[in-house]
């Protein structure tokens, strides 16, 4: 399961992720991280069977947590140009059989390449 963390300025120097990994004995994969002294965003992949427990631990540590759907393609704005497909480094975006744009959320690493390239801003986080 994908879990997005938003870490505020006060918590950014705390070893929150490593603490949760050790306490919950969970194998957590860091898919992307943008962190500096002002705070940051981290996208994690956590085991499905431990998601609830891990999310609670992060929230108890004072971190904002989002679970599940991280990115969305707005079908009414999308013109199926395919530019997002060419830039996706993990092939999470693809043409469906009817040439509509499809998204495999399990593959998405939230690199944001698709957000920046979409001419109609049909992709949002």
C-alpha atoms as a PDB file:
ATOM      1  CA  UNK A   1       0.000   0.000   0.000  1.00  0.00           C
ATOM      2  CA  UNK A   2       1.249   3.504  -0.826  1.00  0.00           C
ATOM      3  CA  UNK A   3       1.490   5.922   2.081  1.00  0.00           C
ATOM      4  CA  UNK A   4       2.420   9.600   1.708  1.00  0.00           C
ATOM      5  CA  UNK A   5       3.947  11.414   4.674  1.00  0.00           C
ATOM      6  CA  UNK A   6       4.085  15.171   5.124  1.00  0.00           C
ATOM      7  CA  UNK A   7       6.643  16.044   7.781  1.00  0.00           C
ATOM      8  CA  UNK A   8       6.555  19.516   9.338  1.00  0.00           C
ATOM      9  CA  UNK A   9       9.502  21.699  10.365  1.00  0.00           C
ATOM     10  CA  UNK A  10       9.450  20.616  14.008  1.00  0.00           C
ATOM     11  CA  UNK A  11       9.541  16.893  13.187  1.00  0.00           C
ATOM     12  CA  UNK A  12      11.988  16.897  10.268  1.00  0.00           C
ATOM     13  CA  UNK A  13      15.048  16.191  12.467  1.00  0.00           C
ATOM     14  CA  UNK A  14      13.377  13.303  14.318  1.00  0.00           C
ATOM     15  CA  UNK A  15      14.200   9.763  13.092  1.00  0.00           C
ATOM     16  CA  UNK A  16      10.502   9.000  12.614  1.00  0.00           C
ATOM     17  CA  UNK A  17      10.704   6.574   9.687  1.00  0.00           C
ATOM     18  CA  UNK A  18      13.487   4.471  11.183  1.00  0.00           C
ATOM     19  CA  UNK A  19      11.728   4.441  14.557  1.00  0.00           C
ATOM     20  CA  UNK A  20       8.508   3.112  13.004  1.00  0.00           C
ATOM     21  CA  UNK A  21      10.442   0.498  11.017  1.00  0.00           C
ATOM     22  CA  UNK A  22      12.189  -0.773  14.140  1.00  0.00           C
ATOM     23  CA  UNK A  23       9.175  -0.621  16.460  1.00  0.00           C
ATOM     24  CA  UNK A  24       6.729  -2.247  14.045  1.00  0.00           C
ATOM     25  CA  UNK A  25       9.278  -4.640  12.515  1.00  0.00           C
ATOM     26  CA  UNK A  26       8.021  -3.615   9.112  1.00  0.00           C
ATOM     27  CA  UNK A  27       9.778  -3.671   5.774  1.00  0.00           C
ATOM     28  CA  UNK A  28       9.069  -0.202   4.427  1.00  0.00           C
ATOM     29  CA  UNK A  29      10.275   0.900   1.006  1.00  0.00           C
ATOM     30  CA  UNK A  30      10.978   4.613   0.462  1.00  0.00           C
ATOM     31  CA  UNK A  31       9.823   5.352  -3.100  1.00  0.00           C
ATOM     32  CA  UNK A  32      10.590   9.065  -3.102  1.00  0.00           C
ATOM     33  CA  UNK A  33      11.614  11.711  -0.604  1.00  0.00           C
ATOM     34  CA  UNK A  34      11.913  15.479  -0.709  1.00  0.00           C
ATOM     35  CA  UNK A  35      13.079  16.595   2.724  1.00  0.00           C
ATOM     36  CA  UNK A  36      15.040  19.579   3.976  1.00  0.00           C
ATOM     37  CA  UNK A  37      15.182  21.691   7.147  1.00  0.00           C
ATOM     38  CA  UNK A  38      11.754  23.175   6.329  1.00  0.00           C
ATOM     39  CA  UNK A  39       9.973  19.812   6.279  1.00  0.00           C
ATOM     40  CA  UNK A  40       9.213  17.403   3.527  1.00  0.00           C
ATOM     41  CA  UNK A  41       7.204  14.796   1.694  1.00  0.00           C
ATOM     42  CA  UNK A  42       7.973  11.092   1.600  1.00  0.00           C
ATOM     43  CA  UNK A  43       6.214   8.387  -0.404  1.00  0.00           C
ATOM     44  CA  UNK A  44       6.424   4.925   1.149  1.00  0.00           C
ATOM     45  CA  UNK A  45       5.306   1.459   0.220  1.00  0.00           C
ATOM     46  CA  UNK A  46       4.240  -0.496   3.285  1.00  0.00           C
ATOM     47  CA  UNK A  47       3.067  -4.099   3.683  1.00  0.00           C
ATOM     48  CA  UNK A  48      -0.712  -4.316   3.231  1.00  0.00           C
ATOM     49  CA  UNK A  49      -1.152  -6.389   6.363  1.00  0.00           C
ATOM     50  CA  UNK A  50       0.583  -3.737   8.507  1.00  0.00           C
ATOM     51  CA  UNK A  51      -0.745  -0.583   6.867  1.00  0.00           C
ATOM     52  CA  UNK A  52      -3.191   0.351   9.609  1.00  0.00           C
ATOM     53  CA  UNK A  53      -0.623  -0.198  12.368  1.00  0.00           C
ATOM     54  CA  UNK A  54       2.098   1.752  10.525  1.00  0.00           C
ATOM     55  CA  UNK A  55      -0.196   4.657   9.629  1.00  0.00           C
ATOM     56  CA  UNK A  56      -1.240   4.943  13.279  1.00  0.00           C
ATOM     57  CA  UNK A  57       2.407   4.965  14.388  1.00  0.00           C
ATOM     58  CA  UNK A  58       3.250   7.788  11.965  1.00  0.00           C
ATOM     59  CA  UNK A  59       0.207   9.813  13.016  1.00  0.00           C
ATOM     60  CA  UNK A  60       1.070   9.262  16.687  1.00  0.00           C
ATOM     61  CA  UNK A  61       4.526  10.681  15.865  1.00  0.00           C
ATOM     62  CA  UNK A  62       2.943  13.906  14.623  1.00  0.00           C
ATOM     63  CA  UNK A  63       3.212  13.257  10.879  1.00  0.00           C
ATOM     64  CA  UNK A  64       0.396  13.960   8.401  1.00  0.00           C
ATOM     65  CA  UNK A  65      -0.406  10.747   6.518  1.00  0.00           C
ATOM     66  CA  UNK A  66      -2.334  10.042   3.307  1.00  0.00           C
ATOM     67  CA  UNK A  67      -3.170   6.477   2.362  1.00  0.00           C
ATOM     68  CA  UNK A  68      -4.216   4.977  -0.936  1.00  0.00           C
ATOM     69  CA  UNK A  69      -4.932   6.970  -4.057  1.00  0.00           C
ATOM     70  CA  UNK A  70      -2.054   9.389  -4.498  1.00  0.00           C
ATOM     71  CA  UNK A  71      -2.463  10.521  -8.104  1.00  0.00           C
ATOM     72  CA  UNK A  72      -5.551  10.996 -10.250  1.00  0.00           C
ATOM     73  CA  UNK A  73      -6.167  11.534 -13.953  1.00  0.00           C
ATOM     74  CA  UNK A  74      -9.104  13.852 -14.569  1.00  0.00           C
ATOM     75  CA  UNK A  75     -10.777  12.168 -17.549  1.00  0.00           C
ATOM     76  CA  UNK A  76     -12.858  15.236 -18.425  1.00  0.00           C
ATOM     77  CA  UNK A  77      -9.703  17.372 -18.862  1.00  0.00           C
ATOM     78  CA  UNK A  78      -7.437  14.744 -20.462  1.00  0.00           C
ATOM     79  CA  UNK A  79      -6.972  14.980 -24.244  1.00  0.00           C
ATOM     80  CA  UNK A  80      -5.123  11.631 -24.482  1.00  0.00           C
ATOM     81  CA  UNK A  81      -2.009  13.227 -25.977  1.00  0.00           C
ATOM     82  CA  UNK A  82       0.205  10.570 -24.355  1.00  0.00           C
ATOM     83  CA  UNK A  83       2.932  12.939 -23.246  1.00  0.00           C
ATOM     84  CA  UNK A  84       2.665  11.639 -19.667  1.00  0.00           C
ATOM     85  CA  UNK A  85       3.179   8.083 -20.928  1.00  0.00           C
ATOM     86  CA  UNK A  86       6.472   8.961 -22.587  1.00  0.00           C
ATOM     87  CA  UNK A  87       7.848  10.581 -19.424  1.00  0.00           C
ATOM     88  CA  UNK A  88       6.727   8.048 -16.809  1.00  0.00           C
ATOM     89  CA  UNK A  89       9.920   6.292 -15.633  1.00  0.00           C
ATOM     90  CA  UNK A  90       8.106   3.235 -14.265  1.00  0.00           C
ATOM     91  CA  UNK A  91       5.417   2.704 -16.925  1.00  0.00           C
ATOM     92  CA  UNK A  92       2.628   3.465 -14.456  1.00  0.00           C
ATOM     93  CA  UNK A  93       0.730   5.451 -17.095  1.00  0.00           C
ATOM     94  CA  UNK A  94      -0.460   3.725 -20.262  1.00  0.00           C
ATOM     95  CA  UNK A  95      -3.004   3.761 -23.069  1.00  0.00           C
ATOM     96  CA  UNK A  96      -6.053   1.617 -22.371  1.00  0.00           C
ATOM     97  CA  UNK A  97      -7.764  -0.336 -25.167  1.00  0.00           C
ATOM     98  CA  UNK A  98      -9.987   2.652 -26.018  1.00  0.00           C
ATOM     99  CA  UNK A  99      -6.891   4.931 -26.045  1.00  0.00           C
ATOM    100  CA  UNK A 100      -7.902   6.625 -22.827  1.00  0.00           C
ATOM    101  CA  UNK A 101      -5.063   7.202 -20.385  1.00  0.00           C
ATOM    102  CA  UNK A 102      -4.820   4.568 -17.657  1.00  0.00           C
ATOM    103  CA  UNK A 103      -2.888   4.569 -14.395  1.00  0.00           C
ATOM    104  CA  UNK A 104      -1.463   1.682 -12.379  1.00  0.00           C
ATOM    105  CA  UNK A 105      -1.244   3.224  -8.905  1.00  0.00           C
ATOM    106  CA  UNK A 106       0.803   0.293  -7.632  1.00  0.00           C
ATOM    107  CA  UNK A 107       3.631   1.226  -9.992  1.00  0.00           C
ATOM    108  CA  UNK A 108       3.474   5.004  -9.471  1.00  0.00           C
ATOM    109  CA  UNK A 109       6.403   6.427  -7.500  1.00  0.00           C
ATOM    110  CA  UNK A 110       5.006   9.977  -7.400  1.00  0.00           C
ATOM    111  CA  UNK A 111       7.947  11.449  -9.315  1.00  0.00           C
ATOM    112  CA  UNK A 112       5.600  14.150 -10.648  1.00  0.00           C
ATOM    113  CA  UNK A 113       6.950  14.051 -14.197  1.00  0.00           C
ATOM    114  CA  UNK A 114       3.394  13.604 -15.482  1.00  0.00           C
ATOM    115  CA  UNK A 115       2.134  16.620 -13.528  1.00  0.00           C
ATOM    116  CA  UNK A 116       4.696  18.942 -15.052  1.00  0.00           C
ATOM    117  CA  UNK A 117       4.238  17.749 -18.633  1.00  0.00           C
ATOM    118  CA  UNK A 118       0.437  17.616 -18.900  1.00  0.00           C
ATOM    119  CA  UNK A 119      -0.680  20.463 -21.191  1.00  0.00           C
ATOM    120  CA  UNK A 120      -4.246  20.498 -19.801  1.00  0.00           C
ATOM    121  CA  UNK A 121      -3.304  19.895 -16.131  1.00  0.00           C
ATOM    122  CA  UNK A 122      -5.470  16.773 -16.140  1.00  0.00           C
ATOM    123  CA  UNK A 123      -3.249  14.977 -13.610  1.00  0.00           C
ATOM    124  CA  UNK A 124      -3.329  15.909  -9.953  1.00  0.00           C
ATOM    125  CA  UNK A 125      -2.009  14.601  -6.671  1.00  0.00           C
END
